[in-house]
Amino acid sequence: MKQPLHPALVHFPVACWTLGTLADFGGLWWARWPLWQPAFWLLVVGCATGLLAAAAGFHELVRLPVEHPAARDASRHMLLALGAWVAYAASLFLRLDGTTPVAPDPLALGTSAVGFLLLVGAGHMGGRLVYVHGAGHRD
């Protein structure tokens, strides 16, 4: 691809999920502010844009030959990123009472924390793809 779409799209879920996690845990510190409400909507936007980023990344992954030196790191990046999506989607659904958003319980907060750790791992592997393997660079 001349201009891969995946790197342009990943900023949205990364920013939304990171800010959502910060809002969740900041809300524990500053209990008088209902920070869980913006955190809920940040997770909604993060999960929606995460699907778009994953689709674009998958499109690029299938074009990579299996024997390519970056294939292993690309697969790890994909698995970690999808794991983050699953964790954040689970946290999002744990915050629903029917169709009404509610404050997160410890399980919802824990799945967000796990999602964030997986997101950091996916970012590390994405960095390896760019800086070690030169993904997205032309010779």
Protein backbone atom coordinates (compact mmCIF):
# COMPACT_ATOMS: atom_id res chain seq x y z
CA MET A 1 0.00 0.00 0.00
CA LYS A 2 1.28 3.44 -0.83
CA GLN A 3 -0.45 5.01 2.18
CA PRO A 4 -1.48 2.39 4.75
CA LEU A 5 -4.67 3.35 6.58
CA HIS A 6 -3.97 1.44 9.80
CA PRO A 7 -1.40 3.89 11.26
CA ALA A 8 -3.80 6.79 10.72
CA LEU A 9 -6.72 5.01 12.42
CA VAL A 10 -5.04 3.57 15.52
CA HIS A 11 -4.68 6.98 17.16
CA PHE A 12 -8.42 7.14 17.82
CA PRO A 13 -8.89 3.94 19.86
CA VAL A 14 -5.55 4.42 21.61
CA ALA A 15 -6.48 7.96 22.70
CA CYS A 16 -10.05 7.09 23.67
CA TRP A 17 -9.13 3.97 25.64
CA THR A 18 -6.23 5.68 27.40
CA LEU A 19 -8.33 8.70 28.35
CA GLY A 20 -11.21 6.43 29.38
CA THR A 21 -8.94 4.43 31.66
CA LEU A 22 -7.50 7.64 33.15
CA ALA A 23 -11.02 8.99 33.72
CA ASP A 24 -12.07 5.76 35.41
CA PHE A 25 -9.20 5.72 37.84
CA GLY A 26 -9.24 9.50 38.24
CA GLY A 27 -12.89 9.17 39.23
CA LEU A 28 -11.81 6.94 42.11
CA TRP A 29 -9.48 9.70 43.31
CA TRP A 30 -11.91 12.59 42.72
CA ALA A 31 -15.14 10.87 43.70
CA ARG A 32 -17.24 14.04 43.62
CA TRP A 33 -16.89 14.24 39.81
CA PRO A 34 -18.72 11.53 37.84
CA LEU A 35 -15.77 10.83 35.52
CA TRP A 36 -17.20 7.40 34.74
CA GLN A 37 -19.71 9.06 32.37
CA PRO A 38 -17.13 10.45 29.90
CA ALA A 39 -15.13 7.23 30.37
CA PHE A 40 -18.14 5.23 29.17
CA TRP A 41 -18.44 7.27 25.98
CA LEU A 42 -14.70 7.19 25.40
CA LEU A 43 -14.88 3.39 25.52
CA VAL A 44 -17.77 3.43 23.04
CA VAL A 45 -15.79 5.55 20.57
CA GLY A 46 -12.62 3.55 21.24
CA CYS A 47 -14.32 0.22 20.52
CA ALA A 48 -16.00 1.52 17.36
CA THR A 49 -12.82 3.05 15.95
CA GLY A 50 -10.86 0.03 17.15
CA LEU A 51 -12.88 -2.14 14.77
CA LEU A 52 -11.96 0.14 11.87
CA ALA A 53 -8.29 0.13 12.86
CA ALA A 54 -8.33 -3.66 13.22
CA ALA A 55 -9.90 -4.12 9.79
CA ALA A 56 -7.26 -1.88 8.20
CA GLY A 57 -4.49 -3.67 10.09
CA PHE A 58 -5.80 -7.07 9.08
CA HIS A 59 -5.85 -5.94 5.44
CA GLU A 60 -2.17 -5.07 5.74
CA LEU A 61 -1.33 -8.25 7.66
CA VAL A 62 -2.72 -10.61 5.01
CA ARG A 63 -0.54 -8.91 2.41
CA LEU A 64 2.59 -9.77 4.44
CA PRO A 65 4.25 -13.03 3.36
CA VAL A 66 4.28 -15.68 6.11
CA GLU A 67 8.05 -16.06 5.85
CA HIS A 68 8.66 -12.29 6.18
CA PRO A 69 10.86 -11.39 9.20
CA ALA A 70 8.12 -9.09 10.53
CA ALA A 71 5.34 -11.71 10.34
CA ARG A 72 5.81 -12.98 13.89
CA ASP A 73 5.80 -9.50 15.42
CA ALA A 74 2.83 -8.52 13.24
CA SER A 75 0.86 -11.50 14.51
CA ARG A 76 1.74 -10.67 18.12
CA HIS A 77 0.74 -7.05 17.54
CA MET A 78 -2.60 -8.17 16.14
CA LEU A 79 -3.32 -10.59 19.00
CA LEU A 80 -2.46 -8.01 21.67
CA ALA A 81 -4.54 -5.32 19.97
CA LEU A 82 -7.54 -7.64 19.60
CA GLY A 83 -7.12 -8.68 23.23
CA ALA A 84 -7.24 -4.99 24.22
CA TRP A 85 -10.41 -4.55 22.15
CA VAL A 86 -12.05 -7.54 23.83
CA ALA A 87 -11.10 -6.31 27.31
CA TYR A 88 -12.42 -2.80 26.65
CA ALA A 89 -15.59 -4.13 25.02
CA ALA A 90 -16.15 -6.34 28.08
CA SER A 91 -15.60 -3.37 30.37
CA LEU A 92 -18.07 -1.38 28.30
CA PHE A 93 -20.79 -4.04 28.57
CA LEU A 94 -20.16 -4.45 32.30
CA ARG A 95 -21.10 -0.76 32.64
CA LEU A 96 -24.59 -1.28 31.27
CA ASP A 97 -27.79 -1.84 33.21
CA GLY A 98 -29.96 -2.85 30.29
CA THR A 99 -29.25 0.07 27.96
CA THR A 100 -28.42 2.58 30.69
CA PRO A 101 -24.76 3.37 31.47
CA VAL A 102 -23.87 2.94 35.15
CA ALA A 103 -20.75 3.56 37.22
CA PRO A 104 -18.16 0.80 36.75
CA ASP A 105 -17.78 -1.87 39.39
CA PRO A 106 -14.35 -3.35 40.27
CA LEU A 107 -14.67 -5.99 37.52
CA ALA A 108 -15.30 -3.32 34.86
CA LEU A 109 -12.34 -1.30 36.16
CA GLY A 110 -10.17 -4.42 36.17
CA THR A 111 -11.01 -5.28 32.58
CA SER A 112 -10.14 -1.70 31.58
CA ALA A 113 -6.79 -2.03 33.35
CA VAL A 114 -6.13 -5.33 31.55
CA GLY A 115 -7.15 -3.69 28.28
CA PHE A 116 -4.70 -0.87 28.89
CA LEU A 117 -1.84 -3.30 29.58
CA LEU A 118 -2.65 -5.20 26.39
CA LEU A 119 -2.82 -1.89 24.51
CA VAL A 120 0.65 -0.96 25.74
CA GLY A 121 1.95 -4.35 24.58
CA ALA A 122 0.30 -3.89 21.17
CA GLY A 123 1.86 -0.45 20.87
CA HIS A 124 5.27 -1.90 21.71
CA MET A 125 4.90 -4.53 19.02
CA GLY A 126 3.66 -1.92 16.54
CA GLY A 127 6.76 0.10 17.32
CA ARG A 128 8.91 -2.96 16.62
CA LEU A 129 7.20 -3.34 13.25
CA VAL A 130 8.09 0.23 12.30
CA TYR A 131 11.49 0.74 13.95
CA VAL A 132 12.96 -2.77 13.75
CA HIS A 133 11.37 -4.14 10.60
CA GLY A 134 10.78 -0.86 8.75
CA ALA A 135 7.07 -1.45 8.17
CA GLY A 136 5.56 1.34 6.14
CA HIS A 137 8.94 2.53 4.82
CA ARG A 138 10.06 2.35 1.24
CA ASP A 139 13.60 1.41 0.37
